[in-house]
Amino acid sequence: MKYLLLLLLLALAFFMLGARRGRPREPEARDDRPAPPARPRAMLRCAECGMHLPADEALPGKGGVFCSAAHRSSFEAR
């Protein structure tokens, strides 16, 4: 009889743990909202190749802005 009672208690414990795990979270506790889109960034055009790149990544030079140091040096060499 005591084994039957022990088995019943274990089954009840597993049932309670499984029911708690399968239950959806509270709506206010869930954060399924998508992340806000990234803000647009100012784009500049490379004076050597014409590629557009973000302003914070552009390299300034004598003839404008450049996408790389190689393009800046080749443009300034001419």
PDB file of N, CA and C in Angstrom:
ATOM      1  N   MET A   1       0.818  -1.190   0.000  1.00  0.00           N
ATOM      2  CA  MET A   1       0.000   0.000   0.000  1.00  0.00           C
ATOM      3  C   MET A   1       0.870   1.266   0.000  1.00  0.00           C
ATOM      4  N   LYS A   2       1.955   1.225   0.781  1.00  0.00           N
ATOM      5  CA  LYS A   2       2.795   2.415   0.851  1.00  0.00           C
ATOM      6  C   LYS A   2       3.487   2.682  -0.494  1.00  0.00           C
ATOM      7  N   TYR A   3       3.790   1.621  -1.277  1.00  0.00           N
ATOM      8  CA  TYR A   3       4.386   1.818  -2.600  1.00  0.00           C
ATOM      9  C   TYR A   3       3.390   2.461  -3.565  1.00  0.00           C
ATOM     10  N   LEU A   4       2.133   2.099  -3.434  1.00  0.00           N
ATOM     11  CA  LEU A   4       1.088   2.692  -4.253  1.00  0.00           C
ATOM     12  C   LEU A   4       0.935   4.173  -3.930  1.00  0.00           C
ATOM     13  N   LEU A   5       0.976   4.508  -2.648  1.00  0.00           N
ATOM     14  CA  LEU A   5       0.891   5.905  -2.232  1.00  0.00           C
ATOM     15  C   LEU A   5       2.108   6.689  -2.717  1.00  0.00           C
ATOM     16  N   LEU A   6       3.287   6.111  -2.639  1.00  0.00           N
ATOM     17  CA  LEU A   6       4.508   6.754  -3.113  1.00  0.00           C
ATOM     18  C   LEU A   6       4.442   6.979  -4.630  1.00  0.00           C
ATOM     19  N   LEU A   7       3.970   5.974  -5.356  1.00  0.00           N
ATOM     20  CA  LEU A   7       3.813   6.099  -6.799  1.00  0.00           C
ATOM     21  C   LEU A   7       2.810   7.186  -7.159  1.00  0.00           C
ATOM     22  N   LEU A   8       1.730   7.266  -6.411  1.00  0.00           N
ATOM     23  CA  LEU A   8       0.711   8.291  -6.638  1.00  0.00           C
ATOM     24  C   LEU A   8       1.271   9.689  -6.376  1.00  0.00           C
ATOM     25  N   LEU A   9       2.059   9.849  -5.337  1.00  0.00           N
ATOM     26  CA  LEU A   9       2.670  11.147  -5.028  1.00  0.00           C
ATOM     27  C   LEU A   9       3.683  11.553  -6.106  1.00  0.00           C
ATOM     28  N   LEU A  10       4.473  10.605  -6.582  1.00  0.00           N
ATOM     29  CA  LEU A  10       5.424  10.917  -7.650  1.00  0.00           C
ATOM     30  C   LEU A  10       4.704  11.295  -8.939  1.00  0.00           C
ATOM     31  N   ALA A  11       3.648  10.577  -9.276  1.00  0.00           N
ATOM     32  CA  ALA A  11       2.870  10.905 -10.476  1.00  0.00           C
ATOM     33  C   ALA A  11       2.252  12.284 -10.348  1.00  0.00           C
ATOM     34  N   LEU A  12       1.752  12.624  -9.174  1.00  0.00           N
ATOM     35  CA  LEU A  12       1.169  13.947  -8.945  1.00  0.00           C
ATOM     36  C   LEU A  12       2.225  15.043  -9.074  1.00  0.00           C
ATOM     37  N   ALA A  13       3.424  14.805  -8.561  1.00  0.00           N
ATOM     38  CA  ALA A  13       4.504  15.791  -8.662  1.00  0.00           C
ATOM     39  C   ALA A  13       4.906  16.007 -10.118  1.00  0.00           C
ATOM     40  N   PHE A  14       5.052  14.923 -10.884  1.00  0.00           N
ATOM     41  CA  PHE A  14       5.401  15.065 -12.297  1.00  0.00           C
ATOM     42  C   PHE A  14       4.294  15.773 -13.076  1.00  0.00           C
ATOM     43  N   PHE A  15       3.053  15.484 -12.734  1.00  0.00           N
ATOM     44  CA  PHE A  15       1.930  16.144 -13.396  1.00  0.00           C
ATOM     45  C   PHE A  15       1.943  17.642 -13.115  1.00  0.00           C
ATOM     46  N   MET A  16       2.193  18.024 -11.877  1.00  0.00           N
ATOM     47  CA  MET A  16       2.212  19.451 -11.513  1.00  0.00           C
ATOM     48  C   MET A  16       3.373  20.172 -12.190  1.00  0.00           C
ATOM     49  N   LEU A  17       4.542  19.553 -12.247  1.00  0.00           N
ATOM     50  CA  LEU A  17       5.685  20.179 -12.917  1.00  0.00           C
ATOM     51  C   LEU A  17       5.434  20.308 -14.412  1.00  0.00           C
ATOM     52  N   GLY A  18       4.849  19.293 -15.026  1.00  0.00           N
ATOM     53  CA  GLY A  18       4.562  19.337 -16.449  1.00  0.00           C
ATOM     54  C   GLY A  18       3.497  20.365 -16.784  1.00  0.00           C
ATOM     55  N   ALA A  19       2.494  20.502 -15.941  1.00  0.00           N
ATOM     56  CA  ALA A  19       1.433  21.483 -16.186  1.00  0.00           C
ATOM     57  C   ALA A  19       1.976  22.896 -16.059  1.00  0.00           C
ATOM     58  N   ARG A  20       2.887  23.121 -15.120  1.00  0.00           N
ATOM     59  CA  ARG A  20       3.446  24.458 -14.936  1.00  0.00           C
ATOM     60  C   ARG A  20       4.362  24.823 -16.107  1.00  0.00           C
ATOM     61  N   ARG A  21       5.122  23.851 -16.602  1.00  0.00           N
ATOM     62  CA  ARG A  21       6.051  24.095 -17.689  1.00  0.00           C
ATOM     63  C   ARG A  21       5.329  24.337 -19.019  1.00  0.00           C
ATOM     64  N   GLY A  22       4.220  23.692 -19.258  1.00  0.00           N
ATOM     65  CA  GLY A  22       3.506  23.815 -20.518  1.00  0.00           C
ATOM     66  C   GLY A  22       2.577  25.010 -20.582  1.00  0.00           C
ATOM     67  N   ARG A  23       2.336  25.677 -19.477  1.00  0.00           N
ATOM     68  CA  ARG A  23       1.424  26.814 -19.436  1.00  0.00           C
ATOM     69  C   ARG A  23       2.081  28.043 -20.074  1.00  0.00           C
ATOM     70  N   PRO A  24       1.354  28.772 -20.949  1.00  0.00           N
ATOM     71  CA  PRO A  24       1.945  29.990 -21.531  1.00  0.00           C
ATOM     72  C   PRO A  24       2.148  31.054 -20.464  1.00  0.00           C
ATOM     73  N   ARG A  25       3.120  31.893 -20.708  1.00  0.00           N
ATOM     74  CA  ARG A  25       3.425  32.948 -19.750  1.00  0.00           C
ATOM     75  C   ARG A  25       2.324  34.007 -19.762  1.00  0.00           C
ATOM     76  N   GLU A  26       2.354  34.818 -18.762  1.00  0.00           N
ATOM     77  CA  GLU A  26       1.392  35.919 -18.667  1.00  0.00           C
ATOM     78  C   GLU A  26       1.607  36.883 -19.825  1.00  0.00           C
ATOM     79  N   PRO A  27       0.543  37.479 -20.383  1.00  0.00           N
ATOM     80  CA  PRO A  27       0.708  38.398 -21.528  1.00  0.00           C
ATOM     81  C   PRO A  27       1.589  39.600 -21.214  1.00  0.00           C
ATOM     82  N   GLU A  28       1.482  40.142 -20.003  1.00  0.00           N
ATOM     83  CA  GLU A  28       2.305  41.310 -19.675  1.00  0.00           C
ATOM     84  C   GLU A  28       3.762  40.921 -19.424  1.00  0.00           C
ATOM     85  N   ALA A  29       4.018  39.655 -19.107  1.00  0.00           N
ATOM     86  CA  ALA A  29       5.389  39.214 -18.867  1.00  0.00           C
ATOM     87  C   ALA A  29       6.096  38.873 -20.177  1.00  0.00           C
ATOM     88  N   ARG A  30       5.341  38.647 -21.248  1.00  0.00           N
ATOM     89  CA  ARG A  30       5.934  38.279 -22.525  1.00  0.00           C
ATOM     90  C   ARG A  30       6.434  39.524 -23.245  1.00  0.00           C
ATOM     91  N   ASP A  31       7.532  39.368 -23.940  1.00  0.00           N
ATOM     92  CA  ASP A  31       8.080  40.480 -24.715  1.00  0.00           C
ATOM     93  C   ASP A  31       8.332  39.986 -26.132  1.00  0.00           C
ATOM     94  N   ASP A  32       7.239  39.744 -26.867  1.00  0.00           N
ATOM     95  CA  ASP A  32       7.339  39.237 -28.230  1.00  0.00           C
ATOM     96  C   ASP A  32       7.329  40.364 -29.261  1.00  0.00           C
ATOM     97  N   ARG A  33       7.405  41.592 -28.789  1.00  0.00           N
ATOM     98  CA  ARG A  33       7.401  42.706 -29.734  1.00  0.00           C
ATOM     99  C   ARG A  33       8.702  42.710 -30.523  1.00  0.00           C
ATOM    100  N   PRO A  34       8.623  42.967 -31.818  1.00  0.00           N
ATOM    101  CA  PRO A  34       9.864  43.032 -32.600  1.00  0.00           C
ATOM    102  C   PRO A  34      10.673  44.266 -32.217  1.00  0.00           C
ATOM    103  N   ALA A  35      11.948  44.169 -32.403  1.00  0.00           N
ATOM    104  CA  ALA A  35      12.827  45.306 -32.112  1.00  0.00           C
ATOM    105  C   ALA A  35      12.523  46.441 -33.085  1.00  0.00           C
ATOM    106  N   PRO A  36      12.612  47.673 -32.633  1.00  0.00           N
ATOM    107  CA  PRO A  36      12.349  48.784 -33.554  1.00  0.00           C
ATOM    108  C   PRO A  36      13.388  48.808 -34.669  1.00  0.00           C
ATOM    109  N   PRO A  37      12.996  49.244 -35.850  1.00  0.00           N
ATOM    110  CA  PRO A  37      13.956  49.271 -36.962  1.00  0.00           C
ATOM    111  C   PRO A  37      15.086  50.264 -36.688  1.00  0.00           C
ATOM    112  N   ALA A  38      16.218  49.977 -37.265  1.00  0.00           N
ATOM    113  CA  ALA A  38      17.384  50.851 -37.083  1.00  0.00           C
ATOM    114  C   ALA A  38      17.121  52.197 -37.757  1.00  0.00           C
ATOM    115  N   ARG A  39      17.634  53.236 -37.148  1.00  0.00           N
ATOM    116  CA  ARG A  39      17.436  54.575 -37.705  1.00  0.00           C
ATOM    117  C   ARG A  39      18.284  54.722 -38.965  1.00  0.00           C
ATOM    118  N   PRO A  40      17.787  55.456 -39.950  1.00  0.00           N
ATOM    119  CA  PRO A  40      18.574  55.660 -41.179  1.00  0.00           C
ATOM    120  C   PRO A  40      19.875  56.394 -40.875  1.00  0.00           C
ATOM    121  N   ARG A  41      20.911  56.047 -41.605  1.00  0.00           N
ATOM    122  CA  ARG A  41      22.217  56.679 -41.426  1.00  0.00           C
ATOM    123  C   ARG A  41      22.545  57.498 -42.656  1.00  0.00           C
ATOM    124  N   ALA A  42      23.251  58.582 -42.447  1.00  0.00           N
ATOM    125  CA  ALA A  42      23.671  59.427 -43.563  1.00  0.00           C
ATOM    126  C   ALA A  42      24.697  58.669 -44.400  1.00  0.00           C
ATOM    127  N   MET A  43      24.503  58.693 -45.721  1.00  0.00           N
ATOM    128  CA  MET A  43      25.395  57.980 -46.629  1.00  0.00           C
ATOM    129  C   MET A  43      26.187  58.992 -47.461  1.00  0.00           C
ATOM    130  N   LEU A  44      27.445  58.675 -47.715  1.00  0.00           N
ATOM    131  CA  LEU A  44      28.314  59.507 -48.545  1.00  0.00           C
ATOM    132  C   LEU A  44      28.846  58.659 -49.689  1.00  0.00           C
ATOM    133  N   ARG A  45      29.297  59.327 -50.737  1.00  0.00           N
ATOM    134  CA  ARG A  45      29.797  58.636 -51.921  1.00  0.00           C
ATOM    135  C   ARG A  45      31.311  58.766 -51.977  1.00  0.00           C
ATOM    136  N   CYS A  46      32.000  57.648 -52.224  1.00  0.00           N
ATOM    137  CA  CYS A  46      33.451  57.651 -52.351  1.00  0.00           C
ATOM    138  C   CYS A  46      33.824  58.442 -53.604  1.00  0.00           C
ATOM    139  N   ALA A  47      34.788  59.350 -53.469  1.00  0.00           N
ATOM    140  CA  ALA A  47      35.205  60.180 -54.604  1.00  0.00           C
ATOM    141  C   ALA A  47      35.988  59.372 -55.643  1.00  0.00           C
ATOM    142  N   GLU A  48      36.513  58.217 -55.279  1.00  0.00           N
ATOM    143  CA  GLU A  48      37.309  57.411 -56.199  1.00  0.00           C
ATOM    144  C   GLU A  48      36.446  56.401 -56.963  1.00  0.00           C
ATOM    145  N   CYS A  49      35.683  55.572 -56.250  1.00  0.00           N
ATOM    146  CA  CYS A  49      34.944  54.492 -56.912  1.00  0.00           C
ATOM    147  C   CYS A  49      33.444  54.730 -56.993  1.00  0.00           C
ATOM    148  N   GLY A  50      32.926  55.678 -56.235  1.00  0.00           N
ATOM    149  CA  GLY A  50      31.502  55.977 -56.280  1.00  0.00           C
ATOM    150  C   GLY A  50      30.645  55.123 -55.362  1.00  0.00           C
ATOM    151  N   MET A  51      31.242  54.254 -54.589  1.00  0.00           N
ATOM    152  CA  MET A  51      30.478  53.413 -53.670  1.00  0.00           C
ATOM    153  C   MET A  51      29.921  54.262 -52.531  1.00  0.00           C
ATOM    154  N   HIS A  52      28.661  53.995 -52.144  1.00  0.00           N
ATOM    155  CA  HIS A  52      28.058  54.706 -51.019  1.00  0.00           C
ATOM    156  C   HIS A  52      28.378  53.975 -49.729  1.00  0.00           C
ATOM    157  N   LEU A  53      28.696  54.737 -48.699  1.00  0.00           N
ATOM    158  CA  LEU A  53      29.025  54.164 -47.407  1.00  0.00           C
ATOM    159  C   LEU A  53      28.539  55.087 -46.309  1.00  0.00           C
ATOM    160  N   PRO A  54      28.311  54.566 -45.098  1.00  0.00           N
ATOM    161  CA  PRO A  54      27.856  55.400 -43.996  1.00  0.00           C
ATOM    162  C   PRO A  54      28.866  56.500 -43.681  1.00  0.00           C
ATOM    163  N   ALA A  55      28.348  57.650 -43.287  1.00  0.00           N
ATOM    164  CA  ALA A  55      29.206  58.808 -43.025  1.00  0.00           C
ATOM    165  C   ALA A  55      30.201  58.548 -41.901  1.00  0.00           C
ATOM    166  N   ASP A  56      29.819  57.755 -40.913  1.00  0.00           N
ATOM    167  CA  ASP A  56      30.753  57.510 -39.802  1.00  0.00           C
ATOM    168  C   ASP A  56      31.868  56.537 -40.177  1.00  0.00           C
ATOM    169  N   GLU A  57      31.780  55.866 -41.335  1.00  0.00           N
ATOM    170  CA  GLU A  57      32.838  54.959 -41.788  1.00  0.00           C
ATOM    171  C   GLU A  57      33.695  55.575 -42.892  1.00  0.00           C
ATOM    172  N   ALA A  58      33.337  56.737 -43.385  1.00  0.00           N
ATOM    173  CA  ALA A  58      34.056  57.368 -44.493  1.00  0.00           C
ATOM    174  C   ALA A  58      35.365  57.987 -44.002  1.00  0.00           C
ATOM    175  N   LEU A  59      36.383  57.945 -44.862  1.00  0.00           N
ATOM    176  CA  LEU A  59      37.679  58.549 -44.552  1.00  0.00           C
ATOM    177  C   LEU A  59      37.778  59.883 -45.281  1.00  0.00           C
ATOM    178  N   PRO A  60      37.985  60.974 -44.559  1.00  0.00           N
ATOM    179  CA  PRO A  60      38.101  62.276 -45.230  1.00  0.00           C
ATOM    180  C   PRO A  60      39.441  62.407 -45.945  1.00  0.00           C
ATOM    181  N   GLY A  61      39.422  63.171 -47.014  1.00  0.00           N
ATOM    182  CA  GLY A  61      40.649  63.406 -47.776  1.00  0.00           C
ATOM    183  C   GLY A  61      40.608  64.764 -48.440  1.00  0.00           C
ATOM    184  N   LYS A  62      41.610  65.063 -49.286  1.00  0.00           N
ATOM    185  CA  LYS A  62      41.695  66.366 -49.936  1.00  0.00           C
ATOM    186  C   LYS A  62      40.619  66.567 -50.996  1.00  0.00           C
ATOM    187  N   GLY A  63      40.171  65.492 -51.654  1.00  0.00           N
ATOM    188  CA  GLY A  63      39.193  65.641 -52.728  1.00  0.00           C
ATOM    189  C   GLY A  63      37.803  65.187 -52.361  1.00  0.00           C
ATOM    190  N   GLY A  64      37.544  64.900 -51.098  1.00  0.00           N
ATOM    191  CA  GLY A  64      36.236  64.424 -50.665  1.00  0.00           C
ATOM    192  C   GLY A  64      36.387  63.349 -49.622  1.00  0.00           C
ATOM    193  N   VAL A  65      35.445  62.422 -49.640  1.00  0.00           N
ATOM    194  CA  VAL A  65      35.514  61.311 -48.693  1.00  0.00           C
ATOM    195  C   VAL A  65      35.750  60.021 -49.474  1.00  0.00           C
ATOM    196  N   PHE A  66      36.347  59.030 -48.779  1.00  0.00           N
ATOM    197  CA  PHE A  66      36.758  57.801 -49.452  1.00  0.00           C
ATOM    198  C   PHE A  66      36.345  56.593 -48.628  1.00  0.00           C
ATOM    199  N   CYS A  67      36.220  55.458 -49.330  1.00  0.00           N
ATOM    200  CA  CYS A  67      35.815  54.219 -48.659  1.00  0.00           C
ATOM    201  C   CYS A  67      37.004  53.488 -48.052  1.00  0.00           C
ATOM    202  N   SER A  68      38.223  53.771 -48.516  1.00  0.00           N
ATOM    203  CA  SER A  68      39.400  53.104 -47.961  1.00  0.00           C
ATOM    204  C   SER A  68      40.614  54.010 -48.094  1.00  0.00           C
ATOM    205  N   ALA A  69      41.655  53.673 -47.356  1.00  0.00           N
ATOM    206  CA  ALA A  69      42.894  54.458 -47.410  1.00  0.00           C
ATOM    207  C   ALA A  69      43.555  54.313 -48.778  1.00  0.00           C
ATOM    208  N   ALA A  70      43.405  53.147 -49.420  1.00  0.00           N
ATOM    209  CA  ALA A  70      43.993  52.947 -50.751  1.00  0.00           C
ATOM    210  C   ALA A  70      43.340  53.867 -51.774  1.00  0.00           C
ATOM    211  N   HIS A  71      42.029  54.015 -51.705  1.00  0.00           N
ATOM    212  CA  HIS A  71      41.348  54.913 -52.634  1.00  0.00           C
ATOM    213  C   HIS A  71      41.710  56.373 -52.361  1.00  0.00           C
ATOM    214  N   ARG A  72      41.858  56.715 -51.091  1.00  0.00           N
ATOM    215  CA  ARG A  72      42.254  58.083 -50.758  1.00  0.00           C
ATOM    216  C   ARG A  72      43.641  58.386 -51.306  1.00  0.00           C
ATOM    217  N   SER A  73      44.586  57.474 -51.132  1.00  0.00           N
ATOM    218  CA  SER A  73      45.952  57.726 -51.587  1.00  0.00           C
ATOM    219  C   SER A  73      46.031  57.732 -53.119  1.00  0.00           C
ATOM    220  N   SER A  74      45.270  56.864 -53.796  1.00  0.00           N
ATOM    221  CA  SER A  74      45.312  56.866 -55.265  1.00  0.00           C
ATOM    222  C   SER A  74      44.662  58.124 -55.835  1.00  0.00           C
ATOM    223  N   PHE A  75      43.622  58.616 -55.194  1.00  0.00           N
ATOM    224  CA  PHE A  75      42.963  59.840 -55.656  1.00  0.00           C
ATOM    225  C   PHE A  75      43.872  61.046 -55.445  1.00  0.00           C
ATOM    226  N   GLU A  76      44.539  61.128 -54.294  1.00  0.00           N
ATOM    227  CA  GLU A  76      45.407  62.249 -53.985  1.00  0.00           C
ATOM    228  C   GLU A  76      46.707  62.193 -54.780  1.00  0.00           C
ATOM    229  N   ALA A  77      47.093  61.028 -55.264  1.00  0.00           N
ATOM    230  CA  ALA A  77      48.307  60.920 -56.075  1.00  0.00           C
ATOM    231  C   ALA A  77      48.083  61.490 -57.474  1.00  0.00           C
ATOM    232  N   ARG A  78      46.882  61.528 -57.953  1.00  0.00           N
ATOM    233  CA  ARG A  78      46.597  62.076 -59.293  1.00  0.00           C
ATOM    234  C   ARG A  78      46.550  63.572 -59.265  1.00  0.00           C
TER     235      ARG A  78
END
